[in-house]
Amino acid sequence: MPIYEYICDDCKSQFEKIVINRQQEISCPKCSSKKATIQLSVFSSAIAGGSSKSSSGSSGSGGACCGGGCGCH
C-alpha cells in the first residue's frame, strides 16, 4: 500500500495518506476539504533519479548515499 503526500488546496496543510485504491476519496484531516493536490515526495524523486544533496557528496568513499557498498553508484 503506497503512502502519498498531499497538500490541501484550501488550507494549504500538508498530510500523508495510505492509499488502498486509486478511487479512494481523499480529504484533508485539518479542514475536511476534498480538494488536495498530490505532492512528489523526496523519497520517490530520489528513487526516480531526481537530484539530491547526497548524490554529489565528496566523502571519497565511492558513493555518497551508502558508502558505495551497494553498487548504486
PDB file of N, CA and C in Angstrom:
ATOM      1  N   MET A   1       0.835  -1.178   0.000  1.00  0.00           N
ATOM      2  CA  MET A   1       0.000   0.000   0.000  1.00  0.00           C
ATOM      3  C   MET A   1       0.887   1.250   0.000  1.00  0.00           C
ATOM      4  N   PRO A   2       0.795   2.042  -1.026  1.00  0.00           N
ATOM      5  CA  PRO A   2       1.636   3.238  -1.082  1.00  0.00           C
ATOM      6  C   PRO A   2       1.122   4.360  -0.180  1.00  0.00           C
ATOM      7  N   ILE A   3       2.056   5.148   0.319  1.00  0.00           N
ATOM      8  CA  ILE A   3       1.725   6.342   1.086  1.00  0.00           C
ATOM      9  C   ILE A   3       1.953   7.529   0.166  1.00  0.00           C
ATOM     10  N   TYR A   4       0.931   8.357   0.008  1.00  0.00           N
ATOM     11  CA  TYR A   4       1.029   9.540  -0.828  1.00  0.00           C
ATOM     12  C   TYR A   4       1.024  10.787   0.036  1.00  0.00           C
ATOM     13  N   GLU A   5       1.763  11.796  -0.396  1.00  0.00           N
ATOM     14  CA  GLU A   5       1.800  13.080   0.282  1.00  0.00           C
ATOM     15  C   GLU A   5       0.904  14.042  -0.484  1.00  0.00           C
ATOM     16  N   TYR A   6       0.113  14.810   0.248  1.00  0.00           N
ATOM     17  CA  TYR A   6      -0.826  15.755  -0.343  1.00  0.00           C
ATOM     18  C   TYR A   6      -0.660  17.124   0.287  1.00  0.00           C
ATOM     19  N   ILE A   7      -1.119  18.155  -0.421  1.00  0.00           N
ATOM     20  CA  ILE A   7      -1.270  19.483   0.140  1.00  0.00           C
ATOM     21  C   ILE A   7      -2.709  19.911  -0.136  1.00  0.00           C
ATOM     22  N   CYS A   8      -3.373  20.392   0.902  1.00  0.00           N
ATOM     23  CA  CYS A   8      -4.766  20.796   0.783  1.00  0.00           C
ATOM     24  C   CYS A   8      -4.848  22.073  -0.049  1.00  0.00           C
ATOM     25  N   ASP A   9      -5.710  22.081  -1.041  1.00  0.00           N
ATOM     26  CA  ASP A   9      -5.871  23.255  -1.893  1.00  0.00           C
ATOM     27  C   ASP A   9      -6.546  24.408  -1.152  1.00  0.00           C
ATOM     28  N   ASP A  10      -7.274  24.119  -0.080  1.00  0.00           N
ATOM     29  CA  ASP A  10      -7.993  25.160   0.648  1.00  0.00           C
ATOM     30  C   ASP A  10      -7.170  25.746   1.801  1.00  0.00           C
ATOM     31  N   CYS A  11      -6.697  24.909   2.729  1.00  0.00           N
ATOM     32  CA  CYS A  11      -5.989  25.432   3.910  1.00  0.00           C
ATOM     33  C   CYS A  11      -4.469  25.321   3.805  1.00  0.00           C
ATOM     34  N   LYS A  12      -3.964  24.703   2.734  1.00  0.00           N
ATOM     35  CA  LYS A  12      -2.530  24.566   2.446  1.00  0.00           C
ATOM     36  C   LYS A  12      -1.766  23.678   3.436  1.00  0.00           C
ATOM     37  N   SER A  13      -2.459  22.893   4.246  1.00  0.00           N
ATOM     38  CA  SER A  13      -1.751  21.987   5.145  1.00  0.00           C
ATOM     39  C   SER A  13      -1.262  20.769   4.357  1.00  0.00           C
ATOM     40  N   GLN A  14      -0.163  20.189   4.805  1.00  0.00           N
ATOM     41  CA  GLN A  14       0.408  19.008   4.166  1.00  0.00           C
ATOM     42  C   GLN A  14       0.053  17.788   5.001  1.00  0.00           C
ATOM     43  N   PHE A  15      -0.276  16.693   4.325  1.00  0.00           N
ATOM     44  CA  PHE A  15      -0.617  15.470   5.030  1.00  0.00           C
ATOM     45  C   PHE A  15      -0.303  14.266   4.160  1.00  0.00           C
ATOM     46  N   GLU A  16      -0.260  13.100   4.788  1.00  0.00           N
ATOM     47  CA  GLU A  16       0.015  11.840   4.103  1.00  0.00           C
ATOM     48  C   GLU A  16      -1.185  10.921   4.268  1.00  0.00           C
ATOM     49  N   LYS A  17      -1.417  10.092   3.270  1.00  0.00           N
ATOM     50  CA  LYS A  17      -2.493   9.109   3.323  1.00  0.00           C
ATOM     51  C   LYS A  17      -2.000   7.800   2.736  1.00  0.00           C
ATOM     52  N   ILE A  18      -2.382   6.707   3.363  1.00  0.00           N
ATOM     53  CA  ILE A  18      -2.168   5.385   2.774  1.00  0.00           C
ATOM     54  C   ILE A  18      -3.306   5.170   1.800  1.00  0.00           C
ATOM     55  N   VAL A  19      -2.969   4.873   0.557  1.00  0.00           N
ATOM     56  CA  VAL A  19      -3.979   4.733  -0.481  1.00  0.00           C
ATOM     57  C   VAL A  19      -4.095   3.264  -0.871  1.00  0.00           C
ATOM     58  N   ILE A  20      -5.251   2.702  -0.592  1.00  0.00           N
ATOM     59  CA  ILE A  20      -5.507   1.305  -0.902  1.00  0.00           C
ATOM     60  C   ILE A  20      -6.019   1.174  -2.326  1.00  0.00           C
ATOM     61  N   ASN A  21      -6.834   2.126  -2.747  1.00  0.00           N
ATOM     62  CA  ASN A  21      -7.467   2.103  -4.057  1.00  0.00           C
ATOM     63  C   ASN A  21      -7.363   3.507  -4.653  1.00  0.00           C
ATOM     64  N   ARG A  22      -7.004   3.617  -5.927  1.00  0.00           N
ATOM     65  CA  ARG A  22      -6.836   4.936  -6.569  1.00  0.00           C
ATOM     66  C   ARG A  22      -8.127   5.747  -6.577  1.00  0.00           C
ATOM     67  N   GLN A  23      -9.282   5.097  -6.462  1.00  0.00           N
ATOM     68  CA  GLN A  23     -10.566   5.799  -6.431  1.00  0.00           C
ATOM     69  C   GLN A  23     -10.946   6.225  -5.011  1.00  0.00           C
ATOM     70  N   GLN A  24     -10.074   5.925  -4.047  1.00  0.00           N
ATOM     71  CA  GLN A  24     -10.342   6.289  -2.659  1.00  0.00           C
ATOM     72  C   GLN A  24     -10.453   7.809  -2.528  1.00  0.00           C
ATOM     73  N   GLU A  25     -11.469   8.267  -1.826  1.00  0.00           N
ATOM     74  CA  GLU A  25     -11.672   9.699  -1.639  1.00  0.00           C
ATOM     75  C   GLU A  25     -10.698  10.215  -0.582  1.00  0.00           C
ATOM     76  N   ILE A  26      -9.997  11.302  -0.918  1.00  0.00           N
ATOM     77  CA  ILE A  26      -9.018  11.909  -0.022  1.00  0.00           C
ATOM     78  C   ILE A  26      -9.624  13.172   0.562  1.00  0.00           C
ATOM     79  N   SER A  27      -9.472  13.353   1.868  1.00  0.00           N
ATOM     80  CA  SER A  27      -9.930  14.593   2.487  1.00  0.00           C
ATOM     81  C   SER A  27      -8.876  15.078   3.485  1.00  0.00           C
ATOM     82  N   CYS A  28      -8.769  16.374   3.606  1.00  0.00           N
ATOM     83  CA  CYS A  28      -7.796  16.999   4.495  1.00  0.00           C
ATOM     84  C   CYS A  28      -8.173  16.720   5.956  1.00  0.00           C
ATOM     85  N   PRO A  29      -7.230  16.241   6.764  1.00  0.00           N
ATOM     86  CA  PRO A  29      -7.538  15.970   8.167  1.00  0.00           C
ATOM     87  C   PRO A  29      -7.750  17.253   8.985  1.00  0.00           C
ATOM     88  N   LYS A  30      -7.277  18.392   8.482  1.00  0.00           N
ATOM     89  CA  LYS A  30      -7.406  19.650   9.218  1.00  0.00           C
ATOM     90  C   LYS A  30      -8.730  20.353   8.934  1.00  0.00           C
ATOM     91  N   CYS A  31      -9.099  20.492   7.643  1.00  0.00           N
ATOM     92  CA  CYS A  31     -10.305  21.261   7.293  1.00  0.00           C
ATOM     93  C   CYS A  31     -11.381  20.418   6.608  1.00  0.00           C
ATOM     94  N   SER A  32     -11.111  19.149   6.356  1.00  0.00           N
ATOM     95  CA  SER A  32     -12.033  18.200   5.722  1.00  0.00           C
ATOM     96  C   SER A  32     -12.333  18.497   4.259  1.00  0.00           C
ATOM     97  N   SER A  33     -11.551  19.370   3.639  1.00  0.00           N
ATOM     98  CA  SER A  33     -11.736  19.662   2.225  1.00  0.00           C
ATOM     99  C   SER A  33     -11.408  18.432   1.398  1.00  0.00           C
ATOM    100  N   LYS A  34     -12.119  18.252   0.322  1.00  0.00           N
ATOM    101  CA  LYS A  34     -11.869  17.136  -0.585  1.00  0.00           C
ATOM    102  C   LYS A  34     -10.960  17.556  -1.733  1.00  0.00           C
ATOM    103  N   LYS A  35     -10.477  18.795  -1.711  1.00  0.00           N
ATOM    104  CA  LYS A  35      -9.598  19.299  -2.766  1.00  0.00           C
ATOM    105  C   LYS A  35      -8.153  19.254  -2.271  1.00  0.00           C
ATOM    106  N   ALA A  36      -7.387  18.332  -2.812  1.00  0.00           N
ATOM    107  CA  ALA A  36      -5.989  18.180  -2.422  1.00  0.00           C
ATOM    108  C   ALA A  36      -5.168  17.821  -3.656  1.00  0.00           C
ATOM    109  N   THR A  37      -3.933  18.279  -3.659  1.00  0.00           N
ATOM    110  CA  THR A  37      -3.016  18.012  -4.757  1.00  0.00           C
ATOM    111  C   THR A  37      -1.927  17.072  -4.257  1.00  0.00           C
ATOM    112  N   ILE A  38      -1.686  16.020  -5.015  1.00  0.00           N
ATOM    113  CA  ILE A  38      -0.638  15.071  -4.644  1.00  0.00           C
ATOM    114  C   ILE A  38       0.720  15.726  -4.858  1.00  0.00           C
ATOM    115  N   GLN A  39       1.637  15.469  -3.939  1.00  0.00           N
ATOM    116  CA  GLN A  39       2.974  16.042  -3.992  1.00  0.00           C
ATOM    117  C   GLN A  39       3.986  14.964  -4.358  1.00  0.00           C
ATOM    118  N   LEU A  40       5.040  15.366  -5.002  1.00  0.00           N
ATOM    119  CA  LEU A  40       6.138  14.456  -5.287  1.00  0.00           C
ATOM    120  C   LEU A  40       6.978  14.361  -4.030  1.00  0.00           C
ATOM    121  N   SER A  41       7.075  13.194  -3.468  1.00  0.00           N
ATOM    122  CA  SER A  41       7.818  13.041  -2.225  1.00  0.00           C
ATOM    123  C   SER A  41       9.313  13.028  -2.485  1.00  0.00           C
ATOM    124  N   VAL A  42      10.090  13.367  -1.477  1.00  0.00           N
ATOM    125  CA  VAL A  42      11.546  13.365  -1.588  1.00  0.00           C
ATOM    126  C   VAL A  42      12.047  11.960  -1.875  1.00  0.00           C
ATOM    127  N   PHE A  43      11.442  10.971  -1.227  1.00  0.00           N
ATOM    128  CA  PHE A  43      11.853   9.587  -1.433  1.00  0.00           C
ATOM    129  C   PHE A  43      11.644   9.167  -2.873  1.00  0.00           C
ATOM    130  N   SER A  44      10.467   9.441  -3.437  1.00  0.00           N
ATOM    131  CA  SER A  44      10.200   8.989  -4.795  1.00  0.00           C
ATOM    132  C   SER A  44      11.036   9.738  -5.819  1.00  0.00           C
ATOM    133  N   SER A  45      11.370  11.005  -5.572  1.00  0.00           N
ATOM    134  CA  SER A  45      12.209  11.726  -6.523  1.00  0.00           C
ATOM    135  C   SER A  45      13.641  11.202  -6.481  1.00  0.00           C
ATOM    136  N   ALA A  46      14.098  10.749  -5.321  1.00  0.00           N
ATOM    137  CA  ALA A  46      15.441  10.181  -5.227  1.00  0.00           C
ATOM    138  C   ALA A  46      15.502   8.837  -5.947  1.00  0.00           C
ATOM    139  N   ILE A  47      14.471   8.040  -5.815  1.00  0.00           N
ATOM    140  CA  ILE A  47      14.417   6.743  -6.486  1.00  0.00           C
ATOM    141  C   ILE A  47      14.299   6.930  -7.990  1.00  0.00           C
ATOM    142  N   ALA A  48      13.561   7.940  -8.418  1.00  0.00           N
ATOM    143  CA  ALA A  48      13.329   8.179  -9.839  1.00  0.00           C
ATOM    144  C   ALA A  48      14.513   8.860 -10.512  1.00  0.00           C
ATOM    145  N   GLY A  49      15.580   9.104  -9.772  1.00  0.00           N
ATOM    146  CA  GLY A  49      16.766   9.704 -10.363  1.00  0.00           C
ATOM    147  C   GLY A  49      16.804  11.211 -10.226  1.00  0.00           C
ATOM    148  N   GLY A  50      15.953  11.756  -9.371  1.00  0.00           N
ATOM    149  CA  GLY A  50      15.957  13.190  -9.121  1.00  0.00           C
ATOM    150  C   GLY A  50      17.211  13.597  -8.376  1.00  0.00           C
ATOM    151  N   SER A  51      17.449  14.881  -8.329  1.00  0.00           N
ATOM    152  CA  SER A  51      18.645  15.347  -7.646  1.00  0.00           C
ATOM    153  C   SER A  51      18.462  15.259  -6.147  1.00  0.00           C
ATOM    154  N   SER A  52      19.547  14.990  -5.461  1.00  0.00           N
ATOM    155  CA  SER A  52      19.540  15.003  -4.012  1.00  0.00           C
ATOM    156  C   SER A  52      20.874  15.539  -3.542  1.00  0.00           C
ATOM    157  N   LYS A  53      20.899  16.067  -2.337  1.00  0.00           N
ATOM    158  CA  LYS A  53      22.127  16.652  -1.806  1.00  0.00           C
ATOM    159  C   LYS A  53      23.215  15.606  -1.637  1.00  0.00           C
ATOM    160  N   SER A  54      22.823  14.378  -1.297  1.00  0.00           N
ATOM    161  CA  SER A  54      23.829  13.364  -1.027  1.00  0.00           C
ATOM    162  C   SER A  54      24.453  12.785  -2.283  1.00  0.00           C
ATOM    163  N   SER A  55      23.870  12.979  -3.458  1.00  0.00           N
ATOM    164  CA  SER A  55      24.411  12.369  -4.659  1.00  0.00           C
ATOM    165  C   SER A  55      25.680  13.057  -5.140  1.00  0.00           C
ATOM    166  N   SER A  56      25.971  14.261  -4.667  1.00  0.00           N
ATOM    167  CA  SER A  56      27.176  14.947  -5.088  1.00  0.00           C
ATOM    168  C   SER A  56      28.178  15.054  -3.951  1.00  0.00           C
ATOM    169  N   GLY A  57      28.060  14.166  -2.988  1.00  0.00           N
ATOM    170  CA  GLY A  57      28.950  14.209  -1.836  1.00  0.00           C
ATOM    171  C   GLY A  57      30.386  13.929  -2.230  1.00  0.00           C
ATOM    172  N   SER A  58      31.308  14.474  -1.466  1.00  0.00           N
ATOM    173  CA  SER A  58      32.723  14.282  -1.762  1.00  0.00           C
ATOM    174  C   SER A  58      33.407  13.580  -0.611  1.00  0.00           C
ATOM    175  N   SER A  59      32.787  12.543  -0.106  1.00  0.00           N
ATOM    176  CA  SER A  59      33.357  11.832   1.027  1.00  0.00           C
ATOM    177  C   SER A  59      34.520  10.945   0.615  1.00  0.00           C
ATOM    178  N   GLY A  60      34.645  10.656  -0.672  1.00  0.00           N
ATOM    179  CA  GLY A  60      35.752   9.844  -1.141  1.00  0.00           C
ATOM    180  C   GLY A  60      35.544   8.360  -0.903  1.00  0.00           C
ATOM    181  N   SER A  61      34.368   7.957  -0.452  1.00  0.00           N
ATOM    182  CA  SER A  61      34.145   6.554  -0.159  1.00  0.00           C
ATOM    183  C   SER A  61      33.512   5.807  -1.312  1.00  0.00           C
ATOM    184  N   GLY A  62      33.335   6.488  -2.468  1.00  0.00           N
ATOM    185  CA  GLY A  62      32.809   5.787  -3.620  1.00  0.00           C
ATOM    186  C   GLY A  62      31.360   6.092  -3.905  1.00  0.00           C
ATOM    187  N   GLY A  63      30.555   6.330  -2.910  1.00  0.00           N
ATOM    188  CA  GLY A  63      29.147   6.644  -3.087  1.00  0.00           C
ATOM    189  C   GLY A  63      28.647   7.420  -1.899  1.00  0.00           C
ATOM    190  N   ALA A  64      28.011   8.531  -2.131  1.00  0.00           N
ATOM    191  CA  ALA A  64      27.620   9.412  -1.034  1.00  0.00           C
ATOM    192  C   ALA A  64      26.444   8.862  -0.231  1.00  0.00           C
ATOM    193  N   CYS A  65      25.554   8.140  -0.862  1.00  0.00           N
ATOM    194  CA  CYS A  65      24.353   7.737  -0.139  1.00  0.00           C
ATOM    195  C   CYS A  65      24.603   6.570   0.804  1.00  0.00           C
ATOM    196  N   CYS A  66      25.494   5.660   0.432  1.00  0.00           N
ATOM    197  CA  CYS A  66      25.659   4.473   1.254  1.00  0.00           C
ATOM    198  C   CYS A  66      27.109   4.036   1.405  1.00  0.00           C
ATOM    199  N   GLY A  67      28.021   4.856   0.933  1.00  0.00           N
ATOM    200  CA  GLY A  67      29.422   4.483   1.029  1.00  0.00           C
ATOM    201  C   GLY A  67      29.893   3.641  -0.142  1.00  0.00           C
ATOM    202  N   GLY A  68      29.029   3.392  -1.103  1.00  0.00           N
ATOM    203  CA  GLY A  68      29.423   2.672  -2.310  1.00  0.00           C
ATOM    204  C   GLY A  68      29.333   1.164  -2.216  1.00  0.00           C
ATOM    205  N   GLY A  69      28.921   0.630  -1.092  1.00  0.00           N
ATOM    206  CA  GLY A  69      28.887  -0.817  -0.933  1.00  0.00           C
ATOM    207  C   GLY A  69      27.753  -1.521  -1.649  1.00  0.00           C
ATOM    208  N   CYS A  70      26.706  -0.790  -1.983  1.00  0.00           N
ATOM    209  CA  CYS A  70      25.547  -1.470  -2.570  1.00  0.00           C
ATOM    210  C   CYS A  70      25.576  -1.478  -4.093  1.00  0.00           C
ATOM    211  N   GLY A  71      26.468  -0.740  -4.706  1.00  0.00           N
ATOM    212  CA  GLY A  71      26.560  -0.716  -6.156  1.00  0.00           C
ATOM    213  C   GLY A  71      25.626   0.260  -6.826  1.00  0.00           C
ATOM    214  N   CYS A  72      25.016   1.153  -6.054  1.00  0.00           N
ATOM    215  CA  CYS A  72      24.073   2.101  -6.650  1.00  0.00           C
ATOM    216  C   CYS A  72      24.802   3.237  -7.359  1.00  0.00           C
ATOM    217  N   HIS A  73      26.072   3.405  -7.156  1.00  0.00           N
ATOM    218  CA  HIS A  73      26.839   4.469  -7.831  1.00  0.00           C
ATOM    219  C   HIS A  73      28.040   3.892  -8.521  1.00  0.00           C
TER     220      HIS A  73
END
